[in-house]
Amino acid sequence: DVLIVGGGINGAVSAAALAAKGVKVALIDKGDFAGFTSSNSSNLA
């Protein structure tokens, strides 16, 4: 149903939300999951 390109925070929550609601989802990332911006924050929310 949906191909998600990117496994940072935006792609991760998109995949989690859609898959839980019964959508057939694929997700790919050219590096590791959270391998770029999402692993270099201040760890603050």
PDB file of all heavy atoms in Angstrom:
ATOM      1  N   ASP A   1       0.841  -1.201   0.000  1.00  0.00           N
ATOM      2  CA  ASP A   1       0.000   0.000   0.000  1.00  0.00           C
ATOM      3  C   ASP A   1       0.874   1.247   0.000  1.00  0.00           C
ATOM      4  O   ASP A   1       0.601   2.206  -0.724  1.00  0.00           O
ATOM      5  CB  ASP A   1      -0.913   0.013   1.227  1.00  0.00           C
ATOM      6  CG  ASP A   1      -1.976  -1.069   1.185  1.00  0.00           C
ATOM      7  OD1 ASP A   1      -2.475  -1.364   0.073  1.00  0.00           O
ATOM      8  OD2 ASP A   1      -2.298  -1.635   2.244  1.00  0.00           O
ATOM      9  N   VAL A   2       1.922   1.220   0.812  1.00  0.00           N
ATOM     10  CA  VAL A   2       2.782   2.397   0.970  1.00  0.00           C
ATOM     11  C   VAL A   2       4.246   1.958   1.058  1.00  0.00           C
ATOM     12  O   VAL A   2       4.565   1.028   1.807  1.00  0.00           O
ATOM     13  CB  VAL A   2       2.422   3.190   2.249  1.00  0.00           C
ATOM     14  CG1 VAL A   2       3.367   4.378   2.438  1.00  0.00           C
ATOM     15  CG2 VAL A   2       0.979   3.668   2.203  1.00  0.00           C
ATOM     16  N   LEU A   3       5.107   2.635   0.323  1.00  0.00           N
ATOM     17  CA  LEU A   3       6.550   2.514   0.496  1.00  0.00           C
ATOM     18  C   LEU A   3       7.041   3.788   1.171  1.00  0.00           C
ATOM     19  O   LEU A   3       6.817   4.892   0.673  1.00  0.00           O
ATOM     20  CB  LEU A   3       7.270   2.348  -0.851  1.00  0.00           C
ATOM     21  CG  LEU A   3       8.805   2.461  -0.798  1.00  0.00           C
ATOM     22  CD1 LEU A   3       9.408   1.370   0.082  1.00  0.00           C
ATOM     23  CD2 LEU A   3       9.410   2.431  -2.199  1.00  0.00           C
ATOM     24  N   ILE A   4       7.695   3.626   2.317  1.00  0.00           N
ATOM     25  CA  ILE A   4       8.282   4.750   3.047  1.00  0.00           C
ATOM     26  C   ILE A   4       9.780   4.737   2.792  1.00  0.00           C
ATOM     27  O   ILE A   4      10.442   3.715   3.004  1.00  0.00           O
ATOM     28  CB  ILE A   4       8.000   4.650   4.560  1.00  0.00           C
ATOM     29  CG1 ILE A   4       6.489   4.657   4.817  1.00  0.00           C
ATOM     30  CG2 ILE A   4       8.681   5.788   5.310  1.00  0.00           C
ATOM     31  CD1 ILE A   4       6.112   4.342   6.262  1.00  0.00           C
ATOM     32  N   VAL A   5      10.297   5.862   2.336  1.00  0.00           N
ATOM     33  CA  VAL A   5      11.735   5.994   2.114  1.00  0.00           C
ATOM     34  C   VAL A   5      12.288   6.863   3.237  1.00  0.00           C
ATOM     35  O   VAL A   5      11.938   8.036   3.349  1.00  0.00           O
ATOM     36  CB  VAL A   5      12.040   6.621   0.740  1.00  0.00           C
ATOM     37  CG1 VAL A   5      13.548   6.650   0.493  1.00  0.00           C
ATOM     38  CG2 VAL A   5      11.334   5.856  -0.371  1.00  0.00           C
ATOM     39  N   GLY A   6      13.118   6.274   4.083  1.00  0.00           N
ATOM     40  CA  GLY A   6      13.690   7.001   5.215  1.00  0.00           C
ATOM     41  C   GLY A   6      13.256   6.408   6.533  1.00  0.00           C
ATOM     42  O   GLY A   6      12.056   6.247   6.791  1.00  0.00           O
ATOM     43  N   GLY A   7      14.239   6.076   7.376  1.00  0.00           N
ATOM     44  CA  GLY A   7      13.957   5.451   8.664  1.00  0.00           C
ATOM     45  C   GLY A   7      14.375   6.292   9.847  1.00  0.00           C
ATOM     46  O   GLY A   7      14.759   5.756  10.896  1.00  0.00           O
ATOM     47  N   GLY A   8      14.318   7.629   9.705  1.00  0.00           N
ATOM     48  CA  GLY A   8      14.487   8.510  10.856  1.00  0.00           C
ATOM     49  C   GLY A   8      13.163   8.619  11.600  1.00  0.00           C
ATOM     50  O   GLY A   8      12.248   7.826  11.395  1.00  0.00           O
ATOM     51  N   ILE A   9      13.022   9.626  12.448  1.00  0.00           N
ATOM     52  CA  ILE A   9      11.819   9.712  13.285  1.00  0.00           C
ATOM     53  C   ILE A   9      10.550   9.850  12.448  1.00  0.00           C
ATOM     54  O   ILE A   9       9.538   9.215  12.739  1.00  0.00           O
ATOM     55  CB  ILE A   9      11.924  10.864  14.324  1.00  0.00           C
ATOM     56  CG1 ILE A   9      10.740  10.842  15.287  1.00  0.00           C
ATOM     57  CG2 ILE A   9      12.100  12.213  13.652  1.00  0.00           C
ATOM     58  CD1 ILE A   9      10.577   9.575  16.076  1.00  0.00           C
ATOM     59  N   ASN A  10      10.576  10.651  11.363  1.00  0.00           N
ATOM     60  CA  ASN A  10       9.360  10.822  10.558  1.00  0.00           C
ATOM     61  C   ASN A  10       8.952   9.530   9.864  1.00  0.00           C
ATOM     62  O   ASN A  10       7.770   9.173   9.834  1.00  0.00           O
ATOM     63  CB  ASN A  10       9.562  11.936   9.526  1.00  0.00           C
ATOM     64  CG  ASN A  10       9.619  13.318  10.146  1.00  0.00           C
ATOM     65  OD1 ASN A  10       9.109  13.535  11.244  1.00  0.00           O
ATOM     66  ND2 ASN A  10      10.258  14.253   9.465  1.00  0.00           N
ATOM     67  N   GLY A  11       9.912   8.815   9.293  1.00  0.00           N
ATOM     68  CA  GLY A  11       9.594   7.547   8.643  1.00  0.00           C
ATOM     69  C   GLY A  11       9.192   6.485   9.638  1.00  0.00           C
ATOM     70  O   GLY A  11       8.285   5.681   9.379  1.00  0.00           O
ATOM     71  N   ALA A  12       9.849   6.467  10.797  1.00  0.00           N
ATOM     72  CA  ALA A  12       9.567   5.442  11.808  1.00  0.00           C
ATOM     73  C   ALA A  12       8.142   5.552  12.336  1.00  0.00           C
ATOM     74  O   ALA A  12       7.428   4.546  12.452  1.00  0.00           O
ATOM     75  CB  ALA A  12      10.576   5.556  12.942  1.00  0.00           C
ATOM     76  N   VAL A  13       7.697   6.775  12.672  1.00  0.00           N
ATOM     77  CA  VAL A  13       6.332   6.912  13.197  1.00  0.00           C
ATOM     78  C   VAL A  13       5.298   6.698  12.094  1.00  0.00           C
ATOM     79  O   VAL A  13       4.206   6.190  12.357  1.00  0.00           O
ATOM     80  CB  VAL A  13       6.114   8.272  13.898  1.00  0.00           C
ATOM     81  CG1 VAL A  13       6.969   8.375  15.145  1.00  0.00           C
ATOM     82  CG2 VAL A  13       6.376   9.444  12.964  1.00  0.00           C
ATOM     83  N   SER A  14       5.647   7.062  10.855  1.00  0.00           N
ATOM     84  CA  SER A  14       4.724   6.801   9.745  1.00  0.00           C
ATOM     85  C   SER A  14       4.511   5.303   9.588  1.00  0.00           C
ATOM     86  O   SER A  14       3.379   4.833   9.431  1.00  0.00           O
ATOM     87  CB  SER A  14       5.283   7.395   8.445  1.00  0.00           C
ATOM     88  OG  SER A  14       5.432   8.791   8.530  1.00  0.00           O
ATOM     89  N   ALA A  15       5.594   4.538   9.636  1.00  0.00           N
ATOM     90  CA  ALA A  15       5.500   3.086   9.497  1.00  0.00           C
ATOM     91  C   ALA A  15       4.731   2.475  10.654  1.00  0.00           C
ATOM     92  O   ALA A  15       3.873   1.586  10.456  1.00  0.00           O
ATOM     93  CB  ALA A  15       6.906   2.479   9.410  1.00  0.00           C
ATOM     94  N   ALA A  16       5.020   2.919  11.881  1.00  0.00           N
ATOM     95  CA  ALA A  16       4.357   2.358  13.052  1.00  0.00           C
ATOM     96  C   ALA A  16       2.848   2.629  13.014  1.00  0.00           C
ATOM     97  O   ALA A  16       2.034   1.745  13.301  1.00  0.00           O
ATOM     98  CB  ALA A  16       4.970   2.932  14.325  1.00  0.00           C
ATOM     99  N   ALA A  17       2.480   3.864  12.658  1.00  0.00           N
ATOM    100  CA  ALA A  17       1.059   4.232  12.625  1.00  0.00           C
ATOM    101  C   ALA A  17       0.317   3.453  11.543  1.00  0.00           C
ATOM    102  O   ALA A  17      -0.760   2.886  11.787  1.00  0.00           O
ATOM    103  CB  ALA A  17       0.913   5.733  12.392  1.00  0.00           C
ATOM    104  N   LEU A  18       0.892   3.406  10.341  1.00  0.00           N
ATOM    105  CA  LEU A  18       0.202   2.764   9.220  1.00  0.00           C
ATOM    106  C   LEU A  18       0.118   1.250   9.403  1.00  0.00           C
ATOM    107  O   LEU A  18      -0.941   0.645   9.172  1.00  0.00           O
ATOM    108  CB  LEU A  18       0.918   3.100   7.908  1.00  0.00           C
ATOM    109  CG  LEU A  18       0.852   4.570   7.473  1.00  0.00           C
ATOM    110  CD1 LEU A  18       1.762   4.812   6.283  1.00  0.00           C
ATOM    111  CD2 LEU A  18      -0.591   4.969   7.135  1.00  0.00           C
ATOM    112  N   ALA A  19       1.218   0.623   9.804  1.00  0.00           N
ATOM    113  CA  ALA A  19       1.212  -0.831   9.960  1.00  0.00           C
ATOM    114  C   ALA A  19       0.224  -1.262  11.040  1.00  0.00           C
ATOM    115  O   ALA A  19      -0.496  -2.252  10.879  1.00  0.00           O
ATOM    116  CB  ALA A  19       2.622  -1.330  10.287  1.00  0.00           C
ATOM    117  N   ALA A  20       0.180  -0.518  12.142  1.00  0.00           N
ATOM    118  CA  ALA A  20      -0.750  -0.861  13.220  1.00  0.00           C
ATOM    119  C   ALA A  20      -2.202  -0.742  12.779  1.00  0.00           C
ATOM    120  O   ALA A  20      -3.081  -1.440  13.296  1.00  0.00           O
ATOM    121  CB  ALA A  20      -0.500   0.028  14.428  1.00  0.00           C
ATOM    122  N   LYS A  21      -2.472   0.128  11.825  1.00  0.00           N
ATOM    123  CA  LYS A  21      -3.834   0.328  11.340  1.00  0.00           C
ATOM    124  C   LYS A  21      -4.179  -0.601  10.177  1.00  0.00           C
ATOM    125  O   LYS A  21      -5.233  -0.456   9.553  1.00  0.00           O
ATOM    126  CB  LYS A  21      -4.016   1.799  10.937  1.00  0.00           C
ATOM    127  CG  LYS A  21      -3.905   2.762  12.129  1.00  0.00           C
ATOM    128  CD  LYS A  21      -3.968   4.217  11.701  1.00  0.00           C
ATOM    129  CE  LYS A  21      -3.732   5.165  12.864  1.00  0.00           C
ATOM    130  NZ  LYS A  21      -4.771   5.093  13.901  1.00  0.00           N
ATOM    131  N   GLY A  22      -3.282  -1.548   9.876  1.00  0.00           N
ATOM    132  CA  GLY A  22      -3.589  -2.573   8.880  1.00  0.00           C
ATOM    133  C   GLY A  22      -3.131  -2.284   7.472  1.00  0.00           C
ATOM    134  O   GLY A  22      -3.491  -3.007   6.540  1.00  0.00           O
ATOM    135  N   VAL A  23      -2.335  -1.237   7.270  1.00  0.00           N
ATOM    136  CA  VAL A  23      -1.827  -0.897   5.941  1.00  0.00           C
ATOM    137  C   VAL A  23      -0.602  -1.760   5.643  1.00  0.00           C
ATOM    138  O   VAL A  23       0.233  -2.013   6.520  1.00  0.00           O
ATOM    139  CB  VAL A  23      -1.454   0.605   5.880  1.00  0.00           C
ATOM    140  CG1 VAL A  23      -0.884   0.978   4.519  1.00  0.00           C
ATOM    141  CG2 VAL A  23      -2.690   1.463   6.198  1.00  0.00           C
ATOM    142  N   LYS A  24      -0.483  -2.235   4.410  1.00  0.00           N
ATOM    143  CA  LYS A  24       0.697  -3.011   3.992  1.00  0.00           C
ATOM    144  C   LYS A  24       1.837  -2.033   3.687  1.00  0.00           C
ATOM    145  O   LYS A  24       1.771  -1.287   2.712  1.00  0.00           O
ATOM    146  CB  LYS A  24       0.374  -3.861   2.765  1.00  0.00           C
ATOM    147  CG  LYS A  24      -0.559  -5.029   3.039  1.00  0.00           C
ATOM    148  CD  LYS A  24      -0.972  -5.728   1.754  1.00  0.00           C
ATOM    149  CE  LYS A  24       0.225  -6.280   1.006  1.00  0.00           C
ATOM    150  NZ  LYS A  24      -0.187  -6.996  -0.235  1.00  0.00           N
ATOM    151  N   VAL A  25       2.858  -2.056   4.533  1.00  0.00           N
ATOM    152  CA  VAL A  25       3.909  -1.033   4.500  1.00  0.00           C
ATOM    153  C   VAL A  25       5.272  -1.666   4.248  1.00  0.00           C
ATOM    154  O   VAL A  25       5.593  -2.723   4.804  1.00  0.00           O
ATOM    155  CB  VAL A  25       3.956  -0.251   5.834  1.00  0.00           C
ATOM    156  CG1 VAL A  25       5.041   0.825   5.795  1.00  0.00           C
ATOM    157  CG2 VAL A  25       2.606   0.368   6.153  1.00  0.00           C
ATOM    158  N   ALA A  26       6.073  -1.003   3.428  1.00  0.00           N
ATOM    159  CA  ALA A  26       7.499  -1.306   3.304  1.00  0.00           C
ATOM    160  C   ALA A  26       8.268  -0.047   3.668  1.00  0.00           C
ATOM    161  O   ALA A  26       7.810   1.072   3.420  1.00  0.00           O
ATOM    162  CB  ALA A  26       7.846  -1.747   1.888  1.00  0.00           C
ATOM    163  N   LEU A  27       9.436  -0.226   4.276  1.00  0.00           N
ATOM    164  CA  LEU A  27      10.287   0.918   4.634  1.00  0.00           C
ATOM    165  C   LEU A  27      11.735   0.572   4.320  1.00  0.00           C
ATOM    166  O   LEU A  27      12.204  -0.515   4.662  1.00  0.00           O
ATOM    167  CB  LEU A  27      10.135   1.268   6.115  1.00  0.00           C
ATOM    168  CG  LEU A  27      10.965   2.474   6.619  1.00  0.00           C
ATOM    169  CD1 LEU A  27      10.207   3.223   7.713  1.00  0.00           C
ATOM    170  CD2 LEU A  27      12.335   2.057   7.143  1.00  0.00           C
ATOM    171  N   ILE A  28      12.430   1.504   3.657  1.00  0.00           N
ATOM    172  CA  ILE A  28      13.845   1.327   3.383  1.00  0.00           C
ATOM    173  C   ILE A  28      14.610   2.572   3.817  1.00  0.00           C
ATOM    174  O   ILE A  28      14.053   3.678   3.860  1.00  0.00           O
ATOM    175  CB  ILE A  28      14.124   1.047   1.883  1.00  0.00           C
ATOM    176  CG1 ILE A  28      13.599   2.192   1.000  1.00  0.00           C
ATOM    177  CG2 ILE A  28      13.525  -0.290   1.465  1.00  0.00           C
ATOM    178  CD1 ILE A  28      13.947   2.051  -0.483  1.00  0.00           C
ATOM    179  N   ASP A  29      15.871   2.397   4.156  1.00  0.00           N
ATOM    180  CA  ASP A  29      16.756   3.513   4.470  1.00  0.00           C
ATOM    181  C   ASP A  29      18.119   3.203   3.893  1.00  0.00           C
ATOM    182  O   ASP A  29      18.609   2.085   4.002  1.00  0.00           O
ATOM    183  CB  ASP A  29      16.851   3.719   5.983  1.00  0.00           C
ATOM    184  CG  ASP A  29      17.514   5.042   6.341  1.00  0.00           C
ATOM    185  OD1 ASP A  29      18.725   5.202   6.060  1.00  0.00           O
ATOM    186  OD2 ASP A  29      16.835   5.925   6.900  1.00  0.00           O
ATOM    187  N   LYS A  30      18.740   4.198   3.284  1.00  0.00           N
ATOM    188  CA  LYS A  30      20.023   3.959   2.622  1.00  0.00           C
ATOM    189  C   LYS A  30      21.154   3.679   3.615  1.00  0.00           C
ATOM    190  O   LYS A  30      22.200   3.148   3.250  1.00  0.00           O
ATOM    191  CB  LYS A  30      20.402   5.144   1.743  1.00  0.00           C
ATOM    192  CG  LYS A  30      20.764   6.408   2.498  1.00  0.00           C
ATOM    193  CD  LYS A  30      21.198   7.504   1.533  1.00  0.00           C
ATOM    194  CE  LYS A  30      21.599   8.775   2.266  1.00  0.00           C
ATOM    195  NZ  LYS A  30      22.047   9.831   1.339  1.00  0.00           N
ATOM    196  N   GLY A  31      20.954   4.043   4.869  1.00  0.00           N
ATOM    197  CA  GLY A  31      21.902   3.719   5.938  1.00  0.00           C
ATOM    198  C   GLY A  31      21.183   2.922   7.007  1.00  0.00           C
ATOM    199  O   GLY A  31      20.262   2.162   6.734  1.00  0.00           O
ATOM    200  N   ASP A  32      21.586   3.127   8.253  1.00  0.00           N
ATOM    201  CA  ASP A  32      20.890   2.456   9.348  1.00  0.00           C
ATOM    202  C   ASP A  32      19.687   3.291   9.769  1.00  0.00           C
ATOM    203  O   ASP A  32      19.604   4.489   9.488  1.00  0.00           O
ATOM    204  CB  ASP A  32      21.843   2.271  10.529  1.00  0.00           C
ATOM    205  CG  ASP A  32      21.242   1.402  11.629  1.00  0.00           C
ATOM    206  OD1 ASP A  32      20.377   0.558  11.317  1.00  0.00           O
ATOM    207  OD2 ASP A  32      21.639   1.568  12.801  1.00  0.00           O
ATOM    208  N   PHE A  33      18.743   2.651  10.439  1.00  0.00           N
ATOM    209  CA  PHE A  33      17.600   3.375  10.997  1.00  0.00           C
ATOM    210  C   PHE A  33      18.118   4.435  11.982  1.00  0.00           C
ATOM    211  O   PHE A  33      19.032   4.172  12.768  1.00  0.00           O
ATOM    212  CB  PHE A  33      16.664   2.412  11.724  1.00  0.00           C
ATOM    213  CG  PHE A  33      16.229   1.241  10.891  1.00  0.00           C
ATOM    214  CD1 PHE A  33      16.485  -0.057  11.312  1.00  0.00           C
ATOM    215  CD2 PHE A  33      15.568   1.419   9.677  1.00  0.00           C
ATOM    216  CE1 PHE A  33      16.090  -1.151  10.548  1.00  0.00           C
ATOM    217  CE2 PHE A  33      15.180   0.343   8.910  1.00  0.00           C
ATOM    218  CZ  PHE A  33      15.445  -0.957   9.346  1.00  0.00           C
ATOM    219  N   ALA A  34      17.541   5.618  11.918  1.00  0.00           N
ATOM    220  CA  ALA A  34      17.958   6.745  12.770  1.00  0.00           C
ATOM    221  C   ALA A  34      19.443   7.027  12.603  1.00  0.00           C
ATOM    222  O   ALA A  34      20.111   7.446  13.547  1.00  0.00           O
ATOM    223  CB  ALA A  34      17.631   6.476  14.243  1.00  0.00           C
ATOM    224  N   GLY A  35      19.963   6.822  11.398  1.00  0.00           N
ATOM    225  CA  GLY A  35      21.391   6.917  11.183  1.00  0.00           C
ATOM    226  C   GLY A  35      21.918   8.299  10.897  1.00  0.00           C
ATOM    227  O   GLY A  35      23.125   8.474  10.742  1.00  0.00           O
ATOM    228  N   PHE A  36      21.028   9.310  10.866  1.00  0.00           N
ATOM    229  CA  PHE A  36      21.510  10.641  10.499  1.00  0.00           C
ATOM    230  C   PHE A  36      21.033  11.660  11.540  1.00  0.00           C
ATOM    231  O   PHE A  36      21.441  11.600  12.685  1.00  0.00           O
ATOM    232  CB  PHE A  36      21.043  10.976   9.072  1.00  0.00           C
ATOM    233  CG  PHE A  36      22.007  11.820   8.302  1.00  0.00           C
ATOM    234  CD1 PHE A  36      23.164  11.273   7.782  1.00  0.00           C
ATOM    235  CD2 PHE A  36      21.775  13.170   8.098  1.00  0.00           C
ATOM    236  CE1 PHE A  36      24.077  12.046   7.075  1.00  0.00           C
ATOM    237  CE2 PHE A  36      22.665  13.959   7.400  1.00  0.00           C
ATOM    238  CZ  PHE A  36      23.821  13.396   6.882  1.00  0.00           C
ATOM    239  N   THR A  37      20.135  12.549  11.181  1.00  0.00           N
ATOM    240  CA  THR A  37      19.691  13.591  12.117  1.00  0.00           C
ATOM    241  C   THR A  37      19.099  12.995  13.395  1.00  0.00           C
ATOM    242  O   THR A  37      19.326  13.508  14.494  1.00  0.00           O
ATOM    243  CB  THR A  37      18.656  14.506  11.436  1.00  0.00           C
ATOM    244  OG1 THR A  37      19.298  15.219  10.368  1.00  0.00           O
ATOM    245  CG2 THR A  37      18.065  15.506  12.413  1.00  0.00           C
ATOM    246  N   SER A  38      18.347  11.903  13.275  1.00  0.00           N
ATOM    247  CA  SER A  38      17.622  11.352  14.425  1.00  0.00           C
ATOM    248  C   SER A  38      18.525  10.703  15.466  1.00  0.00           C
ATOM    249  O   SER A  38      18.033  10.263  16.500  1.00  0.00           O
ATOM    250  CB  SER A  38      16.577  10.337  13.947  1.00  0.00           C
ATOM    251  OG  SER A  38      15.554  10.980  13.219  1.00  0.00           O
ATOM    252  N   SER A  39      19.827  10.626  15.203  1.00  0.00           N
ATOM    253  CA  SER A  39      20.747  10.101  16.223  1.00  0.00           C
ATOM    254  C   SER A  39      21.735  11.160  16.680  1.00  0.00           C
ATOM    255  O   SER A  39      22.749  10.841  17.295  1.00  0.00           O
ATOM    256  CB  SER A  39      21.505   8.878  15.686  1.00  0.00           C
ATOM    257  OG  SER A  39      22.198   9.183  14.498  1.00  0.00           O
ATOM    258  N   ASN A  40      21.433  12.424  16.411  1.00  0.00           N
ATOM    259  CA  ASN A  40      22.357  13.497  16.777  1.00  0.00           C
ATOM    260  C   ASN A  40      21.667  14.672  17.460  1.00  0.00           C
ATOM    261  O   ASN A  40      22.121  15.812  17.365  1.00  0.00           O
ATOM    262  CB  ASN A  40      23.110  13.985  15.525  1.00  0.00           C
ATOM    263  CG  ASN A  40      24.129  12.981  15.041  1.00  0.00           C
ATOM    264  OD1 ASN A  40      25.119  12.709  15.711  1.00  0.00           O
ATOM    265  ND2 ASN A  40      23.877  12.399  13.873  1.00  0.00           N
ATOM    266  N   SER A  41      20.574  14.398  18.160  1.00  0.00           N
ATOM    267  CA  SER A  41      19.833  15.457  18.842  1.00  0.00           C
ATOM    268  C   SER A  41      20.393  15.675  20.243  1.00  0.00           C
ATOM    269  O   SER A  41      21.346  15.020  20.671  1.00  0.00           O
ATOM    270  CB  SER A  41      18.357  15.080  18.934  1.00  0.00           C
ATOM    271  OG  SER A  41      18.157  14.104  19.945  1.00  0.00           O
ATOM    272  N   SER A  42      19.763  16.576  20.986  1.00  0.00           N
ATOM    273  CA  SER A  42      20.133  16.818  22.382  1.00  0.00           C
ATOM    274  C   SER A  42      19.476  15.825  23.327  1.00  0.00           C
ATOM    275  O   SER A  42      19.631  15.937  24.547  1.00  0.00           O
ATOM    276  CB  SER A  42      19.749  18.247  22.799  1.00  0.00           C
ATOM    277  OG  SER A  42      20.428  19.211  22.040  1.00  0.00           O
ATOM    278  N   ASN A  43      18.716  14.870  22.793  1.00  0.00           N
ATOM    279  CA  ASN A  43      17.959  13.900  23.603  1.00  0.00           C
ATOM    280  C   ASN A  43      16.900  14.592  24.463  1.00  0.00           C
ATOM    281  O   ASN A  43      16.512  14.086  25.512  1.00  0.00           O
ATOM    282  CB  ASN A  43      18.868  13.060  24.502  1.00  0.00           C
ATOM    283  CG  ASN A  43      19.583  11.959  23.746  1.00  0.00           C
ATOM    284  OD1 ASN A  43      19.240  11.655  22.603  1.00  0.00           O
ATOM    285  ND2 ASN A  43      20.579  11.354  24.365  1.00  0.00           N
ATOM    286  N   LEU A  44      16.437  15.742  24.005  1.00  0.00           N
ATOM    287  CA  LEU A  44      15.402  16.473  24.725  1.00  0.00           C
ATOM    288  C   LEU A  44      14.102  16.448  23.922  1.00  0.00           C
ATOM    289  O   LEU A  44      14.117  16.519  22.702  1.00  0.00           O
ATOM    290  CB  LEU A  44      15.828  17.923  24.955  1.00  0.00           C
ATOM    291  CG  LEU A  44      17.129  18.127  25.734  1.00  0.00           C
ATOM    292  CD1 LEU A  44      17.499  19.612  25.761  1.00  0.00           C
ATOM    293  CD2 LEU A  44      17.016  17.581  27.144  1.00  0.00           C
ATOM    294  N   ALA A  45      12.998  16.317  24.622  1.00  0.00           N
ATOM    295  CA  ALA A  45      11.681  16.449  23.999  1.00  0.00           C
ATOM    296  C   ALA A  45      10.988  17.581  24.743  1.00  0.00           C
ATOM    297  O   ALA A  45      10.535  17.407  25.863  1.00  0.00           O
ATOM    298  CB  ALA A  45      10.891  15.146  24.111  1.00  0.00           C
TER     299      ALA A  45
END
